[in-house]
Amino acid sequence: MSERLLPAGSKSLARAASADEELGRLSRQLDLAFRETAERVPVNSAVTIITTPNGPDLSVERLEKIDEPPSLVAAPRGERCAPSQARSA
C-alpha cells in the first residue's frame, strides 16, 4: 500500500495517521472505560470482590445466565464464519 494513501484512509476511517497517536487514543479510551467500570462495582449487586491466593478477584457468580440465541445454537460449530466472511456471504 502506498504511504501516500495512509493519511486519507486514516481520515475516512476516523483513525490517526500515526500508530503512536492511535495507540495513545485507544489507551485513553480503555483507561476511561476501566475507571468507569471500577466506579460502578461497589453499587453493582451482581459483582463481588473475593480474596483468592493470588489476591483480590472479581466474581460474577450472581449474574443470571443468558441463553445463546437460536440462530447461534442452530449453526454447526465448525461452520460458524468469522466476521470478515459474513460480510461477503
N, C-alpha and C. Protein backbone atom coordinates (compact mmCIF):
# COMPACT_ATOMS: atom_id res chain seq x y z
N MET A 1 0.85 -1.18 0.00
CA MET A 1 0.00 0.00 0.00
C MET A 1 0.89 1.24 0.00
N SER A 2 0.51 2.21 -0.73
CA SER A 2 1.28 3.43 -0.82
C SER A 2 1.18 4.23 0.47
N GLU A 3 2.31 4.74 0.93
CA GLU A 3 2.32 5.57 2.13
C GLU A 3 1.47 6.83 1.95
N ARG A 4 1.34 7.28 0.69
CA ARG A 4 0.55 8.49 0.44
C ARG A 4 -0.93 8.25 0.72
N LEU A 5 -1.38 7.01 0.66
CA LEU A 5 -2.79 6.71 0.88
C LEU A 5 -3.15 6.63 2.36
N LEU A 6 -2.17 6.41 3.22
CA LEU A 6 -2.45 6.23 4.64
C LEU A 6 -3.18 7.40 5.29
N PRO A 7 -2.73 8.64 5.13
CA PRO A 7 -3.47 9.73 5.78
C PRO A 7 -4.92 9.83 5.31
N ALA A 8 -5.17 9.70 4.01
CA ALA A 8 -6.54 9.80 3.51
C ALA A 8 -7.38 8.64 4.03
N GLY A 9 -6.81 7.44 4.01
CA GLY A 9 -7.53 6.28 4.54
C GLY A 9 -7.79 6.40 6.02
N SER A 10 -6.81 6.91 6.74
CA SER A 10 -6.97 7.09 8.18
C SER A 10 -8.09 8.07 8.48
N LYS A 11 -8.15 9.14 7.70
CA LYS A 11 -9.21 10.14 7.92
C LYS A 11 -10.58 9.55 7.64
N SER A 12 -10.70 8.78 6.57
CA SER A 12 -12.01 8.21 6.24
C SER A 12 -12.44 7.18 7.27
N LEU A 13 -11.50 6.55 7.94
CA LEU A 13 -11.82 5.58 8.99
C LEU A 13 -11.83 6.21 10.37
N ALA A 14 -11.64 7.51 10.45
CA ALA A 14 -11.59 8.26 11.72
C ALA A 14 -10.49 7.70 12.62
N ARG A 15 -9.33 7.45 12.05
CA ARG A 15 -8.18 6.94 12.78
C ARG A 15 -7.00 7.89 12.59
N ALA A 16 -6.10 7.90 13.56
CA ALA A 16 -4.90 8.72 13.47
C ALA A 16 -3.98 8.12 12.42
N ALA A 17 -3.25 8.98 11.72
CA ALA A 17 -2.32 8.51 10.69
C ALA A 17 -1.11 7.83 11.32
N SER A 18 -0.77 8.20 12.52
CA SER A 18 0.39 7.63 13.21
C SER A 18 -0.06 6.53 14.18
N ALA A 19 0.68 5.42 14.19
CA ALA A 19 0.36 4.32 15.10
C ALA A 19 0.46 4.78 16.55
N ASP A 20 1.46 5.60 16.87
CA ASP A 20 1.62 6.09 18.24
C ASP A 20 0.41 6.92 18.68
N GLU A 21 -0.07 7.77 17.78
CA GLU A 21 -1.26 8.58 18.10
C GLU A 21 -2.47 7.69 18.32
N GLU A 22 -2.65 6.72 17.44
CA GLU A 22 -3.80 5.83 17.53
C GLU A 22 -3.74 4.99 18.81
N LEU A 23 -2.57 4.46 19.12
CA LEU A 23 -2.42 3.68 20.35
C LEU A 23 -2.65 4.54 21.58
N GLY A 24 -2.21 5.77 21.54
CA GLY A 24 -2.46 6.69 22.65
C GLY A 24 -3.94 6.94 22.84
N ARG A 25 -4.65 7.15 21.73
CA ARG A 25 -6.10 7.39 21.79
C ARG A 25 -6.81 6.16 22.35
N LEU A 26 -6.45 4.98 21.84
CA LEU A 26 -7.07 3.75 22.32
C LEU A 26 -6.75 3.49 23.78
N SER A 27 -5.53 3.81 24.19
CA SER A 27 -5.13 3.64 25.58
C SER A 27 -5.96 4.52 26.50
N ARG A 28 -6.20 5.76 26.09
CA ARG A 28 -7.02 6.67 26.90
C ARG A 28 -8.46 6.18 26.98
N GLN A 29 -8.99 5.65 25.86
CA GLN A 29 -10.35 5.10 25.86
C GLN A 29 -10.46 3.92 26.81
N LEU A 30 -9.50 3.02 26.75
CA LEU A 30 -9.50 1.84 27.60
C LEU A 30 -9.38 2.24 29.07
N ASP A 31 -8.51 3.19 29.38
CA ASP A 31 -8.34 3.65 30.75
C ASP A 31 -9.65 4.24 31.28
N LEU A 32 -10.33 5.05 30.46
CA LEU A 32 -11.59 5.66 30.88
C LEU A 32 -12.64 4.57 31.13
N ALA A 33 -12.73 3.60 30.23
CA ALA A 33 -13.71 2.51 30.40
C ALA A 33 -13.42 1.73 31.67
N PHE A 34 -12.14 1.46 31.93
CA PHE A 34 -11.76 0.73 33.14
C PHE A 34 -12.16 1.52 34.39
N ARG A 35 -11.85 2.81 34.41
CA ARG A 35 -12.17 3.64 35.58
C ARG A 35 -13.68 3.74 35.81
N GLU A 36 -14.46 3.91 34.72
CA GLU A 36 -15.92 4.00 34.86
C GLU A 36 -16.49 2.69 35.37
N THR A 37 -15.97 1.57 34.89
CA THR A 37 -16.43 0.26 35.34
C THR A 37 -16.08 0.07 36.81
N ALA A 38 -14.87 0.43 37.20
CA ALA A 38 -14.43 0.29 38.60
C ALA A 38 -15.30 1.12 39.53
N GLU A 39 -15.74 2.29 39.08
CA GLU A 39 -16.61 3.14 39.91
C GLU A 39 -17.96 2.48 40.15
N ARG A 40 -18.43 1.67 39.18
CA ARG A 40 -19.75 1.05 39.31
C ARG A 40 -19.74 -0.25 40.11
N VAL A 41 -18.58 -0.85 40.33
CA VAL A 41 -18.51 -2.13 41.04
C VAL A 41 -19.15 -2.07 42.42
N PRO A 42 -18.87 -1.07 43.24
CA PRO A 42 -19.45 -1.06 44.60
C PRO A 42 -20.98 -1.03 44.62
N VAL A 43 -21.62 -0.51 43.59
CA VAL A 43 -23.08 -0.42 43.59
C VAL A 43 -23.75 -1.52 42.76
N ASN A 44 -22.96 -2.41 42.18
CA ASN A 44 -23.49 -3.49 41.37
C ASN A 44 -23.63 -4.74 42.25
N SER A 45 -24.86 -5.10 42.58
CA SER A 45 -25.08 -6.23 43.49
C SER A 45 -24.72 -7.58 42.87
N ALA A 46 -24.56 -7.64 41.56
CA ALA A 46 -24.19 -8.90 40.90
C ALA A 46 -22.70 -9.16 40.94
N VAL A 47 -21.93 -8.16 41.32
CA VAL A 47 -20.47 -8.29 41.32
C VAL A 47 -19.95 -8.22 42.75
N THR A 48 -19.07 -9.14 43.08
CA THR A 48 -18.41 -9.10 44.38
C THR A 48 -16.91 -9.27 44.19
N ILE A 49 -16.17 -8.76 45.13
CA ILE A 49 -14.72 -8.93 45.10
C ILE A 49 -14.38 -9.99 46.13
N ILE A 50 -13.72 -11.04 45.67
CA ILE A 50 -13.36 -12.15 46.55
C ILE A 50 -11.85 -12.19 46.72
N THR A 51 -11.41 -12.80 47.79
CA THR A 51 -9.98 -12.95 48.04
C THR A 51 -9.56 -14.34 47.59
N THR A 52 -8.56 -14.38 46.75
CA THR A 52 -8.01 -15.64 46.26
C THR A 52 -6.54 -15.72 46.70
N PRO A 53 -5.90 -16.88 46.56
CA PRO A 53 -4.48 -16.97 46.89
C PRO A 53 -3.61 -15.99 46.09
N ASN A 54 -4.11 -15.59 44.91
CA ASN A 54 -3.36 -14.64 44.07
C ASN A 54 -3.75 -13.19 44.33
N GLY A 55 -4.65 -12.95 45.28
CA GLY A 55 -5.07 -11.59 45.58
C GLY A 55 -6.54 -11.39 45.27
N PRO A 56 -7.01 -10.14 45.29
CA PRO A 56 -8.42 -9.86 45.02
C PRO A 56 -8.80 -10.24 43.59
N ASP A 57 -10.03 -10.71 43.44
CA ASP A 57 -10.54 -11.09 42.12
C ASP A 57 -12.02 -10.73 42.05
N LEU A 58 -12.49 -10.50 40.85
CA LEU A 58 -13.89 -10.17 40.62
C LEU A 58 -14.70 -11.45 40.47
N SER A 59 -15.83 -11.53 41.12
CA SER A 59 -16.73 -12.67 40.97
C SER A 59 -18.06 -12.18 40.42
N VAL A 60 -18.55 -12.86 39.40
CA VAL A 60 -19.85 -12.52 38.81
C VAL A 60 -20.80 -13.71 38.93
N GLU A 61 -20.63 -14.52 39.96
CA GLU A 61 -21.45 -15.70 40.15
C GLU A 61 -22.93 -15.36 40.26
N ARG A 62 -23.26 -14.20 40.72
CA ARG A 62 -24.67 -13.82 40.90
C ARG A 62 -25.37 -13.46 39.60
N LEU A 63 -24.63 -13.29 38.53
CA LEU A 63 -25.26 -12.95 37.25
C LEU A 63 -26.08 -14.12 36.73
N GLU A 64 -27.19 -13.81 36.10
CA GLU A 64 -28.01 -14.85 35.51
C GLU A 64 -27.44 -15.22 34.15
N LYS A 65 -27.53 -16.51 33.83
CA LYS A 65 -27.04 -16.99 32.54
C LYS A 65 -27.99 -16.51 31.44
N ILE A 66 -27.40 -16.03 30.36
CA ILE A 66 -28.18 -15.63 29.20
C ILE A 66 -28.00 -16.72 28.16
N ASP A 67 -29.11 -17.29 27.72
CA ASP A 67 -29.03 -18.36 26.72
C ASP A 67 -28.56 -17.81 25.38
N GLU A 68 -27.88 -18.68 24.62
CA GLU A 68 -27.45 -18.29 23.28
C GLU A 68 -28.68 -18.16 22.39
N PRO A 69 -28.66 -17.23 21.44
CA PRO A 69 -29.81 -17.09 20.54
C PRO A 69 -29.96 -18.34 19.67
N PRO A 70 -31.20 -18.67 19.29
CA PRO A 70 -31.44 -19.87 18.49
C PRO A 70 -30.60 -19.94 17.21
N SER A 71 -30.36 -18.80 16.59
CA SER A 71 -29.58 -18.80 15.35
C SER A 71 -28.14 -19.27 15.60
N LEU A 72 -27.59 -18.96 16.77
CA LEU A 72 -26.24 -19.39 17.08
C LEU A 72 -26.22 -20.87 17.47
N VAL A 73 -27.24 -21.29 18.20
CA VAL A 73 -27.34 -22.70 18.59
C VAL A 73 -27.48 -23.58 17.36
N ALA A 74 -28.25 -23.12 16.37
CA ALA A 74 -28.52 -23.91 15.17
C ALA A 74 -27.30 -24.01 14.25
N ALA A 75 -26.39 -23.08 14.33
CA ALA A 75 -25.21 -23.08 13.45
C ALA A 75 -24.25 -24.17 13.88
N PRO A 76 -23.86 -25.05 12.95
CA PRO A 76 -22.86 -26.07 13.30
C PRO A 76 -21.56 -25.41 13.76
N ARG A 77 -20.95 -25.92 14.80
CA ARG A 77 -19.75 -25.29 15.38
C ARG A 77 -18.65 -25.07 14.35
N GLY A 78 -18.40 -26.02 13.49
CA GLY A 78 -17.32 -25.90 12.52
C GLY A 78 -17.63 -24.96 11.37
N GLU A 79 -18.89 -24.58 11.22
CA GLU A 79 -19.29 -23.77 10.07
C GLU A 79 -19.58 -22.32 10.43
N ARG A 80 -19.35 -21.94 11.66
CA ARG A 80 -19.56 -20.54 12.04
C ARG A 80 -18.51 -19.70 11.34
N CYS A 81 -18.92 -18.64 10.72
CA CYS A 81 -17.97 -17.86 9.95
C CYS A 81 -17.45 -16.68 10.75
N ALA A 82 -16.26 -16.26 10.39
CA ALA A 82 -15.64 -15.09 11.00
C ALA A 82 -16.37 -13.85 10.47
N PRO A 83 -16.31 -12.72 11.20
CA PRO A 83 -16.99 -11.50 10.74
C PRO A 83 -16.62 -11.11 9.31
N SER A 84 -15.37 -11.30 8.91
CA SER A 84 -14.98 -10.91 7.56
C SER A 84 -15.65 -11.80 6.51
N GLN A 85 -15.91 -13.07 6.86
CA GLN A 85 -16.59 -13.97 5.94
C GLN A 85 -18.08 -13.66 5.87
N ALA A 86 -18.65 -13.18 6.96
CA ALA A 86 -20.08 -12.89 6.98
C ALA A 86 -20.43 -11.77 6.03
N ARG A 87 -19.55 -10.79 5.89
CA ARG A 87 -19.82 -9.67 5.01
C ARG A 87 -19.87 -10.08 3.54
N SER A 88 -19.05 -11.05 3.17
CA SER A 88 -19.00 -11.43 1.76
C SER A 88 -20.06 -12.45 1.40
N ALA A 89 -20.74 -13.01 2.40
CA ALA A 89 -21.76 -14.03 2.13
C ALA A 89 -23.03 -13.43 1.61
